N, C-alpha and C. Protein backbone atom coordinates (compact mmCIF):
# COMPACT_ATOMS: atom_id res chain seq x y z
N MET A 1 -69.02 -17.87 0.96
CA MET A 1 -68.05 -18.52 -0.11
C MET A 1 -67.85 -17.31 -1.09
N HIS A 2 -66.35 -17.21 -0.72
CA HIS A 2 -65.49 -16.14 -1.42
C HIS A 2 -65.41 -16.42 -2.81
N GLU A 3 -65.58 -17.65 -3.38
CA GLU A 3 -65.41 -18.43 -4.53
C GLU A 3 -66.14 -17.79 -5.45
N LEU A 4 -67.47 -17.42 -5.14
CA LEU A 4 -68.45 -16.87 -6.06
C LEU A 4 -67.94 -15.21 -6.36
N SER A 5 -67.46 -14.54 -5.13
CA SER A 5 -66.99 -13.30 -5.73
C SER A 5 -65.70 -13.35 -6.72
N ILE A 6 -65.07 -14.27 -6.57
CA ILE A 6 -63.78 -14.62 -7.36
C ILE A 6 -64.25 -14.87 -8.73
N ALA A 7 -65.36 -15.70 -8.86
CA ALA A 7 -65.86 -16.10 -10.35
C ALA A 7 -66.38 -14.91 -10.75
N LEU A 8 -67.12 -14.20 -10.21
CA LEU A 8 -67.58 -12.94 -10.58
C LEU A 8 -66.68 -11.66 -10.95
N SER A 9 -65.89 -11.70 -10.23
CA SER A 9 -64.55 -10.81 -10.86
C SER A 9 -63.72 -11.41 -11.90
N MET A 10 -63.51 -12.70 -12.03
CA MET A 10 -63.10 -13.35 -13.48
C MET A 10 -63.74 -12.97 -14.43
N MET A 11 -65.13 -13.12 -14.20
CA MET A 11 -66.30 -13.03 -15.36
C MET A 11 -65.97 -11.59 -15.82
N ASP A 12 -65.85 -10.47 -15.09
CA ASP A 12 -66.06 -9.16 -15.36
C ASP A 12 -64.59 -8.92 -16.37
N ARG A 13 -63.60 -9.60 -15.86
CA ARG A 13 -62.14 -9.30 -16.77
C ARG A 13 -62.30 -10.01 -17.96
N ILE A 14 -63.09 -11.27 -17.84
CA ILE A 14 -63.24 -12.24 -19.29
C ILE A 14 -64.07 -11.35 -20.19
N ARG A 15 -65.27 -10.68 -19.89
CA ARG A 15 -65.88 -9.99 -20.54
C ARG A 15 -65.12 -8.76 -21.30
N GLU A 16 -64.28 -8.07 -20.41
CA GLU A 16 -63.43 -6.97 -21.05
C GLU A 16 -62.65 -7.50 -22.14
N GLU A 17 -61.79 -8.84 -22.13
CA GLU A 17 -60.98 -9.19 -23.04
C GLU A 17 -61.84 -9.92 -24.19
N SER A 18 -63.20 -10.52 -24.19
CA SER A 18 -63.88 -10.74 -25.13
C SER A 18 -64.37 -9.79 -26.15
N VAL A 19 -64.62 -8.60 -25.40
CA VAL A 19 -65.08 -7.11 -26.10
C VAL A 19 -63.72 -6.69 -26.88
N ARG A 20 -62.63 -6.78 -26.32
CA ARG A 20 -61.43 -6.14 -26.71
C ARG A 20 -61.03 -7.17 -27.88
N HIS A 21 -61.33 -8.31 -27.93
CA HIS A 21 -61.12 -9.32 -29.17
C HIS A 21 -62.18 -9.71 -30.11
N SER A 22 -63.29 -9.20 -29.76
CA SER A 22 -64.41 -8.95 -30.71
C SER A 22 -64.80 -10.63 -30.79
N GLY A 23 -65.04 -11.38 -29.67
CA GLY A 23 -65.22 -12.83 -29.90
C GLY A 23 -65.87 -13.47 -28.90
N THR A 24 -66.07 -14.68 -28.82
CA THR A 24 -66.88 -15.41 -27.99
C THR A 24 -65.96 -16.23 -27.28
N VAL A 25 -65.95 -16.23 -26.15
CA VAL A 25 -65.16 -16.93 -24.99
C VAL A 25 -65.63 -18.62 -24.89
N ARG A 26 -64.59 -19.40 -25.28
CA ARG A 26 -64.71 -20.94 -25.02
C ARG A 26 -64.64 -21.64 -23.62
N SER A 27 -63.32 -20.81 -23.34
CA SER A 27 -62.92 -21.54 -21.85
C SER A 27 -61.91 -20.36 -21.44
N ALA A 28 -61.78 -20.40 -20.13
CA ALA A 28 -61.04 -19.72 -19.17
C ALA A 28 -59.88 -20.67 -18.59
N HIS A 29 -58.83 -20.25 -18.42
CA HIS A 29 -57.69 -21.30 -17.82
C HIS A 29 -57.24 -20.51 -16.72
N VAL A 30 -57.35 -21.02 -15.39
CA VAL A 30 -56.80 -20.68 -14.28
C VAL A 30 -56.04 -21.46 -13.68
N ARG A 31 -54.97 -21.35 -12.82
CA ARG A 31 -53.93 -21.73 -11.82
C ARG A 31 -54.27 -21.49 -10.49
N ILE A 32 -54.34 -22.43 -9.82
CA ILE A 32 -54.62 -22.54 -8.33
C ILE A 32 -53.65 -23.11 -7.57
N GLY A 33 -52.97 -22.32 -6.77
CA GLY A 33 -52.01 -23.05 -5.72
C GLY A 33 -52.64 -23.38 -4.43
N VAL A 34 -52.08 -24.52 -4.05
CA VAL A 34 -52.67 -25.35 -2.68
C VAL A 34 -52.73 -24.19 -1.47
N LEU A 35 -52.06 -23.30 -1.39
CA LEU A 35 -52.00 -22.39 -0.50
C LEU A 35 -52.71 -21.01 -0.98
N SER A 36 -53.39 -21.22 -1.87
CA SER A 36 -54.01 -19.70 -2.29
C SER A 36 -55.48 -19.35 -1.34
N GLY A 37 -55.86 -20.49 -0.96
CA GLY A 37 -57.15 -20.60 -0.15
C GLY A 37 -58.30 -20.52 -0.94
N VAL A 38 -58.14 -20.83 -2.14
CA VAL A 38 -59.44 -20.93 -2.96
C VAL A 38 -59.36 -22.52 -3.27
N ASP A 39 -60.74 -22.78 -3.05
CA ASP A 39 -61.21 -24.44 -3.15
C ASP A 39 -61.52 -24.35 -4.66
N SER A 40 -60.70 -25.47 -5.45
CA SER A 40 -61.25 -25.57 -6.83
C SER A 40 -62.49 -25.91 -6.95
N GLU A 41 -63.01 -26.98 -6.37
CA GLU A 41 -64.46 -27.53 -6.49
C GLU A 41 -65.78 -26.38 -6.22
N ALA A 42 -65.38 -25.67 -5.09
CA ALA A 42 -66.11 -24.56 -4.83
C ALA A 42 -66.09 -23.28 -5.91
N LEU A 43 -64.78 -23.23 -6.36
CA LEU A 43 -64.94 -22.31 -7.41
C LEU A 43 -65.52 -22.63 -8.91
N ARG A 44 -65.48 -23.83 -8.99
CA ARG A 44 -66.17 -24.59 -10.35
C ARG A 44 -67.56 -24.41 -10.06
N PHE A 45 -68.01 -24.64 -8.71
CA PHE A 45 -69.52 -24.48 -8.77
C PHE A 45 -70.24 -23.15 -8.82
N ALA A 46 -69.21 -22.14 -8.24
CA ALA A 46 -69.56 -20.56 -8.39
C ALA A 46 -69.45 -20.09 -9.82
N TRP A 47 -68.63 -20.73 -10.62
CA TRP A 47 -68.72 -20.44 -12.13
C TRP A 47 -69.88 -20.91 -12.68
N GLU A 48 -70.30 -22.15 -12.45
CA GLU A 48 -71.62 -22.61 -13.07
C GLU A 48 -72.86 -21.69 -12.84
N MET A 49 -72.66 -21.08 -11.57
CA MET A 49 -73.95 -20.17 -11.08
C MET A 49 -73.67 -19.07 -11.56
N ALA A 50 -72.38 -18.46 -11.76
CA ALA A 50 -72.41 -17.28 -12.39
C ALA A 50 -72.62 -17.07 -14.03
N ARG A 51 -72.17 -18.14 -14.49
CA ARG A 51 -72.18 -18.10 -16.02
C ARG A 51 -73.60 -18.45 -16.39
N ALA A 52 -74.51 -18.94 -15.46
CA ALA A 52 -75.95 -19.28 -16.28
C ALA A 52 -76.62 -17.93 -16.61
N GLY A 53 -77.19 -17.96 -17.69
CA GLY A 53 -77.90 -16.95 -18.28
C GLY A 53 -77.05 -15.61 -18.69
N SER A 54 -75.85 -15.99 -18.74
CA SER A 54 -74.81 -14.62 -19.27
C SER A 54 -74.36 -15.05 -20.59
N GLU A 55 -73.92 -13.88 -20.95
CA GLU A 55 -72.96 -14.27 -22.43
C GLU A 55 -71.83 -15.30 -22.42
N LEU A 56 -71.38 -15.63 -21.08
CA LEU A 56 -70.36 -16.50 -20.91
C LEU A 56 -70.91 -17.94 -20.50
N GLU A 57 -72.37 -17.93 -20.65
CA GLU A 57 -73.12 -19.35 -20.42
C GLU A 57 -72.35 -20.42 -21.04
N GLU A 58 -71.68 -20.46 -22.26
CA GLU A 58 -70.80 -21.66 -22.77
C GLU A 58 -69.50 -21.84 -22.52
N ALA A 59 -69.17 -20.75 -21.91
CA ALA A 59 -67.54 -20.78 -21.47
C ALA A 59 -67.41 -21.90 -20.31
N GLU A 60 -66.27 -22.85 -20.72
CA GLU A 60 -65.89 -23.70 -19.66
C GLU A 60 -64.67 -23.02 -18.77
N LEU A 61 -64.41 -23.62 -17.66
CA LEU A 61 -63.56 -23.38 -16.54
C LEU A 61 -62.44 -24.42 -16.89
N GLU A 62 -61.32 -24.31 -16.82
CA GLU A 62 -60.14 -24.99 -16.78
C GLU A 62 -59.34 -24.95 -15.81
N ILE A 63 -59.17 -25.67 -14.88
CA ILE A 63 -58.58 -25.37 -13.45
C ILE A 63 -57.26 -26.11 -13.60
N GLU A 64 -55.92 -25.52 -13.48
CA GLU A 64 -54.74 -26.17 -13.19
C GLU A 64 -54.36 -26.08 -11.54
N SER A 65 -54.22 -27.16 -10.84
CA SER A 65 -53.83 -27.14 -9.71
C SER A 65 -52.13 -27.00 -9.52
N VAL A 66 -51.66 -26.13 -8.41
CA VAL A 66 -50.27 -25.84 -8.45
C VAL A 66 -49.74 -25.97 -7.36
N PRO A 67 -48.90 -27.11 -7.28
CA PRO A 67 -48.34 -27.80 -6.00
C PRO A 67 -47.67 -26.66 -5.00
N LEU A 68 -47.47 -27.14 -4.18
CA LEU A 68 -46.40 -26.20 -3.10
C LEU A 68 -44.99 -26.48 -3.61
N ARG A 69 -44.38 -25.41 -3.88
CA ARG A 69 -42.90 -25.77 -4.30
C ARG A 69 -42.09 -24.63 -3.23
N VAL A 70 -41.17 -25.01 -2.51
CA VAL A 70 -40.30 -24.35 -1.77
C VAL A 70 -38.87 -24.33 -2.22
N ARG A 71 -38.18 -23.46 -1.55
CA ARG A 71 -36.57 -23.38 -1.62
C ARG A 71 -36.06 -23.26 -0.39
N CYS A 72 -35.06 -24.01 0.08
CA CYS A 72 -34.57 -23.88 1.51
C CYS A 72 -33.37 -22.79 1.27
N PRO A 73 -33.49 -21.89 2.19
CA PRO A 73 -32.98 -20.46 2.13
C PRO A 73 -31.11 -20.90 2.88
N VAL A 74 -31.12 -22.23 3.39
CA VAL A 74 -29.80 -22.70 3.77
C VAL A 74 -29.11 -23.54 2.81
N CYS A 75 -29.65 -24.55 2.05
CA CYS A 75 -28.82 -25.40 1.08
C CYS A 75 -29.25 -25.10 -0.40
N GLY A 76 -30.35 -24.26 -0.45
CA GLY A 76 -30.82 -24.18 -1.92
C GLY A 76 -31.55 -24.97 -2.53
N VAL A 77 -31.89 -26.07 -2.08
CA VAL A 77 -32.78 -26.98 -2.76
C VAL A 77 -34.14 -26.61 -3.11
N THR A 78 -34.61 -26.74 -4.35
CA THR A 78 -35.96 -26.35 -4.40
C THR A 78 -36.63 -27.51 -4.78
N ARG A 79 -37.85 -27.85 -4.12
CA ARG A 79 -38.76 -29.14 -4.27
C ARG A 79 -39.93 -28.88 -4.04
N THR A 80 -41.00 -29.80 -4.61
CA THR A 80 -42.33 -29.99 -4.09
C THR A 80 -42.25 -30.58 -2.74
N ALA A 81 -43.18 -29.81 -2.16
CA ALA A 81 -43.55 -30.26 -0.64
C ALA A 81 -44.58 -30.25 -0.30
N GLU A 82 -45.08 -31.23 0.73
CA GLU A 82 -46.34 -31.52 1.30
C GLU A 82 -46.45 -30.19 2.54
N ILE A 83 -47.71 -29.89 2.69
CA ILE A 83 -48.12 -28.89 3.50
C ILE A 83 -47.88 -29.38 4.97
N GLN A 84 -47.60 -30.44 5.20
CA GLN A 84 -47.60 -31.20 6.48
C GLN A 84 -46.18 -31.29 6.82
N SER A 85 -45.26 -31.54 5.94
CA SER A 85 -43.90 -31.68 6.15
C SER A 85 -42.97 -30.81 5.07
N ILE A 86 -42.95 -29.67 5.55
CA ILE A 86 -42.30 -28.61 4.73
C ILE A 86 -40.89 -28.39 5.11
N ALA A 87 -40.23 -29.07 6.27
CA ALA A 87 -38.83 -29.08 6.64
C ALA A 87 -37.96 -29.63 5.25
N CYS A 88 -36.91 -29.03 5.18
CA CYS A 88 -36.10 -29.27 4.16
C CYS A 88 -35.61 -30.98 4.36
N PRO A 89 -35.49 -31.96 3.58
CA PRO A 89 -35.10 -33.27 3.88
C PRO A 89 -33.88 -33.59 3.71
N HIS A 90 -32.92 -32.37 3.34
CA HIS A 90 -31.44 -32.34 2.96
C HIS A 90 -30.58 -31.81 4.38
N CYS A 91 -31.10 -30.67 4.79
CA CYS A 91 -30.32 -30.22 5.79
C CYS A 91 -31.50 -29.88 7.25
N VAL A 92 -32.38 -30.34 6.91
CA VAL A 92 -33.62 -30.21 8.09
C VAL A 92 -34.03 -28.72 8.59
N THR A 93 -33.79 -27.88 7.65
CA THR A 93 -34.07 -26.56 8.15
C THR A 93 -35.64 -26.28 7.97
N PRO A 94 -36.24 -25.96 9.18
CA PRO A 94 -37.66 -26.05 9.08
C PRO A 94 -38.37 -24.89 8.32
N GLU A 95 -37.66 -23.83 8.06
CA GLU A 95 -38.32 -22.56 7.23
C GLU A 95 -37.79 -22.62 6.08
N GLN A 96 -38.98 -22.38 5.02
CA GLN A 96 -38.61 -22.55 3.65
C GLN A 96 -39.39 -21.55 2.96
N ASP A 97 -38.60 -21.09 1.88
CA ASP A 97 -39.24 -19.68 1.02
C ASP A 97 -40.27 -20.48 0.10
N ILE A 98 -41.34 -19.80 0.00
CA ILE A 98 -42.19 -20.56 -1.01
C ILE A 98 -42.28 -20.16 -2.38
N VAL A 99 -41.84 -20.88 -3.31
CA VAL A 99 -41.46 -20.36 -4.73
C VAL A 99 -43.06 -20.52 -5.53
N GLU A 100 -43.83 -21.50 -5.27
CA GLU A 100 -44.86 -21.36 -5.90
C GLU A 100 -46.07 -22.33 -4.84
N GLY A 101 -47.55 -21.80 -5.35
CA GLY A 101 -48.21 -22.42 -4.34
C GLY A 101 -49.51 -21.54 -3.97
N ARG A 102 -49.09 -20.11 -4.24
CA ARG A 102 -50.11 -19.33 -3.57
C ARG A 102 -50.66 -18.49 -4.82
N GLU A 103 -50.65 -18.85 -5.90
CA GLU A 103 -51.40 -18.18 -6.88
C GLU A 103 -52.81 -18.59 -6.99
N MET A 104 -53.23 -17.55 -7.69
CA MET A 104 -54.89 -17.75 -8.10
C MET A 104 -54.54 -16.71 -9.30
N GLU A 105 -54.73 -17.24 -10.42
CA GLU A 105 -54.49 -16.33 -11.77
C GLU A 105 -55.24 -17.07 -12.96
N LEU A 106 -55.74 -16.03 -13.73
CA LEU A 106 -56.30 -16.25 -14.84
C LEU A 106 -55.19 -16.23 -16.01
N THR A 107 -54.94 -17.18 -16.60
CA THR A 107 -53.57 -17.39 -17.30
C THR A 107 -54.08 -17.59 -18.94
N ALA A 108 -55.25 -17.82 -19.44
CA ALA A 108 -55.49 -17.89 -20.82
C ALA A 108 -57.06 -18.02 -20.91
N LEU A 109 -57.58 -17.38 -22.18
CA LEU A 109 -58.81 -17.56 -22.64
C LEU A 109 -58.52 -17.82 -24.35
N GLU A 110 -59.62 -19.03 -24.14
CA GLU A 110 -59.73 -19.49 -25.63
C GLU A 110 -60.99 -18.63 -26.39
N ILE A 111 -60.78 -17.90 -27.36
CA ILE A 111 -61.93 -17.06 -27.94
C ILE A 111 -61.98 -17.35 -29.21
N ASP A 112 -63.32 -17.49 -29.71
CA ASP A 112 -63.53 -17.42 -31.09
C ASP A 112 -63.72 -16.31 -31.64
N SER A 113 -63.40 -15.99 -32.68
CA SER A 113 -63.63 -14.41 -33.33
C SER A 113 -64.69 -14.45 -34.31
C-alpha cells in the first residue's frame, strides 16, 4: 500500500509548515487526479493510521477528486473525459493531451496560531 508512504511524506511536509507558522494543523487539503495512481480511500485509511498518536492526530484530511481533462491536438477542444472513452467526440482523434487528472498535490493547510 504505497498510500501509507504518501501519507507519511505528507505528514513530514505538514510538520515543517506547522513549525514555520507556529501553529496547530486543523486540516490538510489534497487534490488527487483519477490517473494519479493514488486511491483516495486507501490514502484516507493510511492518513488515519499515520496520524494516530502524533502531533497531527487532530488534523483532518480533505480530498478533492480531480477528473480527467483532455485537449484534442487536432481540433483543440478541451473537455472532461472518461478513461474508457478518451477519443475526441468532435473529430474522433484517439490521441488526447492530458490537461488534468494526474496530480497528487497538497494544496492547503488550515493552521491555528
